[in-house]
Amino acid sequence: MLYLGFEAATQYVGRGRKYNLEMLNTPLEKLEQYDAVVIVTDHSSYDYAKIVEQSNLVIDTRNATRGIQSSKIVRC
């Protein structure tokens, strides 16, 4: 399963670069049930160390996990 639904979004992330988009932060739960987690944007409200800890594999396209050492992380 690759899709994390937005139905449980509970917290606003904040403004976009140009517009107030009222972007929502989706709670991340039970990440171990997924084959991989793909980071496509680096919001400061996420705890990336916790995401790495709870995931089987993390594919980081935004360097959001910089400073975190783990064999689970693939940086691209």
PDB file of N, CA and C in Angstrom:
ATOM      1  N   MET A   1       0.854  -1.171   0.000  1.00  0.00           N
ATOM      2  CA  MET A   1       0.000   0.000   0.000  1.00  0.00           C
ATOM      3  C   MET A   1       0.900   1.235   0.000  1.00  0.00           C
ATOM      4  N   LEU A   2       0.647   2.156  -0.897  1.00  0.00           N
ATOM      5  CA  LEU A   2       1.497   3.322  -1.045  1.00  0.00           C
ATOM      6  C   LEU A   2       0.826   4.620  -0.618  1.00  0.00           C
ATOM      7  N   TYR A   3      -0.461   4.622  -0.407  1.00  0.00           N
ATOM      8  CA  TYR A   3      -1.192   5.851  -0.154  1.00  0.00           C
ATOM      9  C   TYR A   3      -1.493   6.033   1.323  1.00  0.00           C
ATOM     10  N   LEU A   4      -1.091   7.162   1.859  1.00  0.00           N
ATOM     11  CA  LEU A   4      -1.493   7.536   3.219  1.00  0.00           C
ATOM     12  C   LEU A   4      -2.611   8.554   3.071  1.00  0.00           C
ATOM     13  N   GLY A   5      -3.809   8.209   3.487  1.00  0.00           N
ATOM     14  CA  GLY A   5      -4.969   9.073   3.307  1.00  0.00           C
ATOM     15  C   GLY A   5      -4.885  10.358   4.101  1.00  0.00           C
ATOM     16  N   PHE A   6      -5.621  11.352   3.666  1.00  0.00           N
ATOM     17  CA  PHE A   6      -5.633  12.645   4.318  1.00  0.00           C
ATOM     18  C   PHE A   6      -6.861  12.835   5.189  1.00  0.00           C
ATOM     19  N   GLU A   7      -7.676  11.802   5.350  1.00  0.00           N
ATOM     20  CA  GLU A   7      -8.901  11.951   6.130  1.00  0.00           C
ATOM     21  C   GLU A   7      -8.629  12.238   7.601  1.00  0.00           C
ATOM     22  N   ALA A   8      -7.446  11.887   8.100  1.00  0.00           N
ATOM     23  CA  ALA A   8      -7.143  12.079   9.515  1.00  0.00           C
ATOM     24  C   ALA A   8      -6.274  13.315   9.756  1.00  0.00           C
ATOM     25  N   ALA A   9      -6.148  14.175   8.782  1.00  0.00           N
ATOM     26  CA  ALA A   9      -5.304  15.360   8.931  1.00  0.00           C
ATOM     27  C   ALA A   9      -5.823  16.233  10.063  1.00  0.00           C
ATOM     28  N   THR A  10      -4.921  16.643  10.938  1.00  0.00           N
ATOM     29  CA  THR A  10      -5.356  17.352  12.129  1.00  0.00           C
ATOM     30  C   THR A  10      -4.648  18.671  12.366  1.00  0.00           C
ATOM     31  N   GLN A  11      -3.574  18.952  11.666  1.00  0.00           N
ATOM     32  CA  GLN A  11      -2.776  20.120  12.003  1.00  0.00           C
ATOM     33  C   GLN A  11      -2.377  20.853  10.728  1.00  0.00           C
ATOM     34  N   TYR A  12      -2.510  22.178  10.725  1.00  0.00           N
ATOM     35  CA  TYR A  12      -2.071  22.952   9.578  1.00  0.00           C
ATOM     36  C   TYR A  12      -0.566  23.060   9.564  1.00  0.00           C
ATOM     37  N   VAL A  13       0.029  22.868   8.384  1.00  0.00           N
ATOM     38  CA  VAL A  13       1.471  22.995   8.218  1.00  0.00           C
ATOM     39  C   VAL A  13       1.842  24.466   8.143  1.00  0.00           C
ATOM     40  N   GLY A  14       1.052  25.261   7.450  1.00  0.00           N
ATOM     41  CA  GLY A  14       1.334  26.693   7.350  1.00  0.00           C
ATOM     42  C   GLY A  14       1.222  27.178   5.920  1.00  0.00           C
ATOM     43  N   ARG A  15       1.807  28.300   5.662  1.00  0.00           N
ATOM     44  CA  ARG A  15       1.724  28.922   4.346  1.00  0.00           C
ATOM     45  C   ARG A  15       2.603  28.206   3.338  1.00  0.00           C
ATOM     46  N   GLY A  16       2.160  28.285   2.077  1.00  0.00           N
ATOM     47  CA  GLY A  16       2.999  27.852   0.976  1.00  0.00           C
ATOM     48  C   GLY A  16       3.982  28.959   0.664  1.00  0.00           C
ATOM     49  N   ARG A  17       4.766  28.785  -0.357  1.00  0.00           N
ATOM     50  CA  ARG A  17       5.761  29.801  -0.708  1.00  0.00           C
ATOM     51  C   ARG A  17       5.131  31.110  -1.155  1.00  0.00           C
ATOM     52  N   LYS A  18       4.036  31.020  -1.887  1.00  0.00           N
ATOM     53  CA  LYS A  18       3.402  32.234  -2.402  1.00  0.00           C
ATOM     54  C   LYS A  18       1.995  32.449  -1.886  1.00  0.00           C
ATOM     55  N   TYR A  19       1.318  31.361  -1.526  1.00  0.00           N
ATOM     56  CA  TYR A  19      -0.094  31.476  -1.187  1.00  0.00           C
ATOM     57  C   TYR A  19      -0.378  30.790   0.138  1.00  0.00           C
ATOM     58  N   ASN A  20      -1.398  31.253   0.835  1.00  0.00           N
ATOM     59  CA  ASN A  20      -1.830  30.587   2.046  1.00  0.00           C
ATOM     60  C   ASN A  20      -2.742  29.433   1.649  1.00  0.00           C
ATOM     61  N   LEU A  21      -2.169  28.250   1.526  1.00  0.00           N
ATOM     62  CA  LEU A  21      -2.896  27.097   1.018  1.00  0.00           C
ATOM     63  C   LEU A  21      -3.563  26.285   2.120  1.00  0.00           C
ATOM     64  N   GLU A  22      -3.311  26.644   3.361  1.00  0.00           N
ATOM     65  CA  GLU A  22      -3.846  25.909   4.506  1.00  0.00           C
ATOM     66  C   GLU A  22      -3.564  24.412   4.362  1.00  0.00           C
ATOM     67  N   MET A  23      -2.295  24.109   4.089  1.00  0.00           N
ATOM     68  CA  MET A  23      -1.876  22.723   3.908  1.00  0.00           C
ATOM     69  C   MET A  23      -2.018  21.967   5.220  1.00  0.00           C
ATOM     70  N   LEU A  24      -2.437  20.715   5.137  1.00  0.00           N
ATOM     71  CA  LEU A  24      -2.655  19.904   6.321  1.00  0.00           C
ATOM     72  C   LEU A  24      -1.528  18.906   6.532  1.00  0.00           C
ATOM     73  N   ASN A  25      -1.227  18.655   7.782  1.00  0.00           N
ATOM     74  CA  ASN A  25      -0.217  17.700   8.186  1.00  0.00           C
ATOM     75  C   ASN A  25      -0.920  16.390   8.522  1.00  0.00           C
ATOM     76  N   THR A  26      -0.607  15.324   7.815  1.00  0.00           N
ATOM     77  CA  THR A  26      -1.226  14.030   8.048  1.00  0.00           C
ATOM     78  C   THR A  26      -0.474  13.289   9.142  1.00  0.00           C
ATOM     79  N   PRO A  27      -1.166  12.814  10.166  1.00  0.00           N
ATOM     80  CA  PRO A  27      -0.494  12.020  11.191  1.00  0.00           C
ATOM     81  C   PRO A  27       0.051  10.736  10.570  1.00  0.00           C
ATOM     82  N   LEU A  28       1.245  10.360  10.950  1.00  0.00           N
ATOM     83  CA  LEU A  28       1.868   9.154  10.421  1.00  0.00           C
ATOM     84  C   LEU A  28       1.803   8.066  11.475  1.00  0.00           C
ATOM     85  N   GLU A  29       1.097   7.008  11.156  1.00  0.00           N
ATOM     86  CA  GLU A  29       0.906   5.918  12.105  1.00  0.00           C
ATOM     87  C   GLU A  29       1.168   4.587  11.428  1.00  0.00           C
ATOM     88  N   LYS A  30       1.676   3.632  12.184  1.00  0.00           N
ATOM     89  CA  LYS A  30       1.878   2.255  11.712  1.00  0.00           C
ATOM     90  C   LYS A  30       2.700   2.208  10.432  1.00  0.00           C
ATOM     91  N   LEU A  31       3.789   2.960  10.385  1.00  0.00           N
ATOM     92  CA  LEU A  31       4.608   3.015   9.183  1.00  0.00           C
ATOM     93  C   LEU A  31       5.252   1.676   8.856  1.00  0.00           C
ATOM     94  N   GLU A  32       5.413   0.828   9.868  1.00  0.00           N
ATOM     95  CA  GLU A  32       6.048  -0.470   9.652  1.00  0.00           C
ATOM     96  C   GLU A  32       5.213  -1.384   8.743  1.00  0.00           C
ATOM     97  N   GLN A  33       3.949  -1.063   8.525  1.00  0.00           N
ATOM     98  CA  GLN A  33       3.108  -1.892   7.665  1.00  0.00           C
ATOM     99  C   GLN A  33       3.370  -1.653   6.173  1.00  0.00           C
ATOM    100  N   TYR A  34       4.097  -0.593   5.854  1.00  0.00           N
ATOM    101  CA  TYR A  34       4.391  -0.264   4.461  1.00  0.00           C
ATOM    102  C   TYR A  34       5.771  -0.766   4.073  1.00  0.00           C
ATOM    103  N   ASP A  35       5.939  -1.120   2.809  1.00  0.00           N
ATOM    104  CA  ASP A  35       7.243  -1.554   2.319  1.00  0.00           C
ATOM    105  C   ASP A  35       8.250  -0.414   2.357  1.00  0.00           C
ATOM    106  N   ALA A  36       7.802   0.785   2.029  1.00  0.00           N
ATOM    107  CA  ALA A  36       8.697   1.940   1.981  1.00  0.00           C
ATOM    108  C   ALA A  36       7.916   3.222   2.231  1.00  0.00           C
ATOM    109  N   VAL A  37       8.627   4.205   2.733  1.00  0.00           N
ATOM    110  CA  VAL A  37       8.102   5.556   2.902  1.00  0.00           C
ATOM    111  C   VAL A  37       8.921   6.445   1.981  1.00  0.00           C
ATOM    112  N   VAL A  38       8.250   7.239   1.162  1.00  0.00           N
ATOM    113  CA  VAL A  38       8.939   8.132   0.232  1.00  0.00           C
ATOM    114  C   VAL A  38       8.719   9.564   0.697  1.00  0.00           C
ATOM    115  N   ILE A  39       9.812  10.274   0.958  1.00  0.00           N
ATOM    116  CA  ILE A  39       9.732  11.681   1.365  1.00  0.00           C
ATOM    117  C   ILE A  39       9.873  12.527   0.109  1.00  0.00           C
ATOM    118  N   VAL A  40       8.799  13.251  -0.218  1.00  0.00           N
ATOM    119  CA  VAL A  40       8.806  14.086  -1.420  1.00  0.00           C
ATOM    120  C   VAL A  40       8.781  15.577  -1.099  1.00  0.00           C
ATOM    121  N   THR A  41       8.619  15.908   0.166  1.00  0.00           N
ATOM    122  CA  THR A  41       8.720  17.295   0.618  1.00  0.00           C
ATOM    123  C   THR A  41       9.200  17.270   2.060  1.00  0.00           C
ATOM    124  N   ASP A  42       9.893  18.302   2.474  1.00  0.00           N
ATOM    125  CA  ASP A  42      10.510  18.291   3.807  1.00  0.00           C
ATOM    126  C   ASP A  42       9.875  19.325   4.730  1.00  0.00           C
ATOM    127  N   HIS A  43       8.709  18.985   5.252  1.00  0.00           N
ATOM    128  CA  HIS A  43       8.031  19.854   6.214  1.00  0.00           C
ATOM    129  C   HIS A  43       8.734  19.755   7.566  1.00  0.00           C
ATOM    130  N   SER A  44       8.933  20.877   8.217  1.00  0.00           N
ATOM    131  CA  SER A  44       9.638  20.891   9.505  1.00  0.00           C
ATOM    132  C   SER A  44       8.787  20.313  10.637  1.00  0.00           C
ATOM    133  N   SER A  45       7.503  20.108  10.398  1.00  0.00           N
ATOM    134  CA  SER A  45       6.641  19.605  11.468  1.00  0.00           C
ATOM    135  C   SER A  45       6.739  18.092  11.660  1.00  0.00           C
ATOM    136  N   TYR A  46       7.393  17.382  10.737  1.00  0.00           N
ATOM    137  CA  TYR A  46       7.540  15.933  10.874  1.00  0.00           C
ATOM    138  C   TYR A  46       8.812  15.585  11.626  1.00  0.00           C
ATOM    139  N   ASP A  47       8.765  14.543  12.418  1.00  0.00           N
ATOM    140  CA  ASP A  47       9.922  14.032  13.151  1.00  0.00           C
ATOM    141  C   ASP A  47      10.549  12.940  12.286  1.00  0.00           C
ATOM    142  N   TYR A  48      11.540  13.320  11.485  1.00  0.00           N
ATOM    143  CA  TYR A  48      12.120  12.384  10.528  1.00  0.00           C
ATOM    144  C   TYR A  48      12.890  11.263  11.198  1.00  0.00           C
ATOM    145  N   ALA A  49      13.495  11.498  12.339  1.00  0.00           N
ATOM    146  CA  ALA A  49      14.173  10.422  13.070  1.00  0.00           C
ATOM    147  C   ALA A  49      13.167   9.347  13.478  1.00  0.00           C
ATOM    148  N   LYS A  50      12.010   9.766  13.918  1.00  0.00           N
ATOM    149  CA  LYS A  50      10.958   8.829  14.304  1.00  0.00           C
ATOM    150  C   LYS A  50      10.427   8.081  13.079  1.00  0.00           C
ATOM    151  N   ILE A  51      10.280   8.784  11.956  1.00  0.00           N
ATOM    152  CA  ILE A  51       9.828   8.158  10.723  1.00  0.00           C
ATOM    153  C   ILE A  51      10.806   7.060  10.313  1.00  0.00           C
ATOM    154  N   VAL A  52      12.100   7.351  10.363  1.00  0.00           N
ATOM    155  CA  VAL A  52      13.120   6.356  10.008  1.00  0.00           C
ATOM    156  C   VAL A  52      13.052   5.171  10.964  1.00  0.00           C
ATOM    157  N   GLU A  53      12.940   5.462  12.235  1.00  0.00           N
ATOM    158  CA  GLU A  53      12.890   4.409  13.253  1.00  0.00           C
ATOM    159  C   GLU A  53      11.724   3.454  13.019  1.00  0.00           C
ATOM    160  N   GLN A  54      10.568   3.974  12.634  1.00  0.00           N
ATOM    161  CA  GLN A  54       9.356   3.170  12.503  1.00  0.00           C
ATOM    162  C   GLN A  54       9.167   2.558  11.118  1.00  0.00           C
ATOM    163  N   SER A  55       9.988   2.937  10.148  1.00  0.00           N
ATOM    164  CA  SER A  55       9.816   2.480   8.770  1.00  0.00           C
ATOM    165  C   SER A  55      10.755   1.334   8.439  1.00  0.00           C
ATOM    166  N   ASN A  56      10.362   0.558   7.424  1.00  0.00           N
ATOM    167  CA  ASN A  56      11.219  -0.506   6.915  1.00  0.00           C
ATOM    168  C   ASN A  56      12.272   0.044   5.964  1.00  0.00           C
ATOM    169  N   LEU A  57      11.893   1.039   5.171  1.00  0.00           N
ATOM    170  CA  LEU A  57      12.774   1.664   4.196  1.00  0.00           C
ATOM    171  C   LEU A  57      12.297   3.094   3.990  1.00  0.00           C
ATOM    172  N   VAL A  58      13.226   4.039   3.927  1.00  0.00           N
ATOM    173  CA  VAL A  58      12.878   5.441   3.689  1.00  0.00           C
ATOM    174  C   VAL A  58      13.620   5.904   2.445  1.00  0.00           C
ATOM    175  N   ILE A  59      12.878   6.355   1.448  1.00  0.00           N
ATOM    176  CA  ILE A  59      13.461   6.924   0.241  1.00  0.00           C
ATOM    177  C   ILE A  59      13.313   8.426   0.356  1.00  0.00           C
ATOM    178  N   ASP A  60      14.434   9.114   0.530  1.00  0.00           N
ATOM    179  CA  ASP A  60      14.437  10.556   0.808  1.00  0.00           C
ATOM    180  C   ASP A  60      14.860  11.320  -0.433  1.00  0.00           C
ATOM    181  N   THR A  61      13.904  11.998  -1.061  1.00  0.00           N
ATOM    182  CA  THR A  61      14.199  12.772  -2.262  1.00  0.00           C
ATOM    183  C   THR A  61      14.476  14.245  -1.953  1.00  0.00           C
ATOM    184  N   ARG A  62      14.372  14.639  -0.682  1.00  0.00           N
ATOM    185  CA  ARG A  62      14.505  16.051  -0.303  1.00  0.00           C
ATOM    186  C   ARG A  62      15.610  16.318   0.716  1.00  0.00           C
ATOM    187  N   ASN A  63      16.402  15.303   1.056  1.00  0.00           N
ATOM    188  CA  ASN A  63      17.449  15.430   2.068  1.00  0.00           C
ATOM    189  C   ASN A  63      16.874  15.828   3.431  1.00  0.00           C
ATOM    190  N   ALA A  64      15.651  15.386   3.697  1.00  0.00           N
ATOM    191  CA  ALA A  64      14.989  15.685   4.963  1.00  0.00           C
ATOM    192  C   ALA A  64      15.627  14.905   6.112  1.00  0.00           C
ATOM    193  N   THR A  65      16.315  13.808   5.799  1.00  0.00           N
ATOM    194  CA  THR A  65      16.916  12.971   6.842  1.00  0.00           C
ATOM    195  C   THR A  65      18.398  13.274   7.046  1.00  0.00           C
ATOM    196  N   ARG A  66      18.853  14.423   6.547  1.00  0.00           N
ATOM    197  CA  ARG A  66      20.271  14.771   6.727  1.00  0.00           C
ATOM    198  C   ARG A  66      20.613  14.741   8.215  1.00  0.00           C
ATOM    199  N   GLY A  67      21.751  14.187   8.512  1.00  0.00           N
ATOM    200  CA  GLY A  67      22.172  14.083   9.900  1.00  0.00           C
ATOM    201  C   GLY A  67      21.697  12.818  10.589  1.00  0.00           C
ATOM    202  N   ILE A  68      20.812  12.070   9.967  1.00  0.00           N
ATOM    203  CA  ILE A  68      20.318  10.813  10.531  1.00  0.00           C
ATOM    204  C   ILE A  68      21.059   9.672   9.833  1.00  0.00           C
ATOM    205  N   GLN A  69      21.717   8.829  10.601  1.00  0.00           N
ATOM    206  CA  GLN A  69      22.452   7.698  10.051  1.00  0.00           C
ATOM    207  C   GLN A  69      21.613   6.436  10.214  1.00  0.00           C
ATOM    208  N   SER A  70      21.305   5.767   9.107  1.00  0.00           N
ATOM    209  CA  SER A  70      20.559   4.531   9.150  1.00  0.00           C
ATOM    210  C   SER A  70      20.711   3.796   7.825  1.00  0.00           C
ATOM    211  N   SER A  71      20.808   2.491   7.901  1.00  0.00           N
ATOM    212  CA  SER A  71      20.867   1.687   6.680  1.00  0.00           C
ATOM    213  C   SER A  71      19.506   1.617   6.002  1.00  0.00           C
ATOM    214  N   LYS A  72      18.457   2.089   6.660  1.00  0.00           N
ATOM    215  CA  LYS A  72      17.110   2.101   6.087  1.00  0.00           C
ATOM    216  C   LYS A  72      16.900   3.248   5.103  1.00  0.00           C
ATOM    217  N   ILE A  73      17.807   4.225   5.089  1.00  0.00           N
ATOM    218  CA  ILE A  73      17.619   5.434   4.289  1.00  0.00           C
ATOM    219  C   ILE A  73      18.323   5.303   2.939  1.00  0.00           C
ATOM    220  N   VAL A  74      17.565   5.603   1.868  1.00  0.00           N
ATOM    221  CA  VAL A  74      18.128   5.725   0.526  1.00  0.00           C
ATOM    222  C   VAL A  74      17.932   7.175   0.124  1.00  0.00           C
ATOM    223  N   ARG A  75      19.036   7.883  -0.085  1.00  0.00           N
ATOM    224  CA  ARG A  75      18.947   9.292  -0.471  1.00  0.00           C
ATOM    225  C   ARG A  75      19.131   9.397  -1.972  1.00  0.00           C
ATOM    226  N   CYS A  76      18.209  10.103  -2.617  1.00  0.00           N
ATOM    227  CA  CYS A  76      18.300  10.251  -4.063  1.00  0.00           C
ATOM    228  C   CYS A  76      17.819  11.619  -4.495  1.00  0.00           C
TER     229      CYS A  76
END
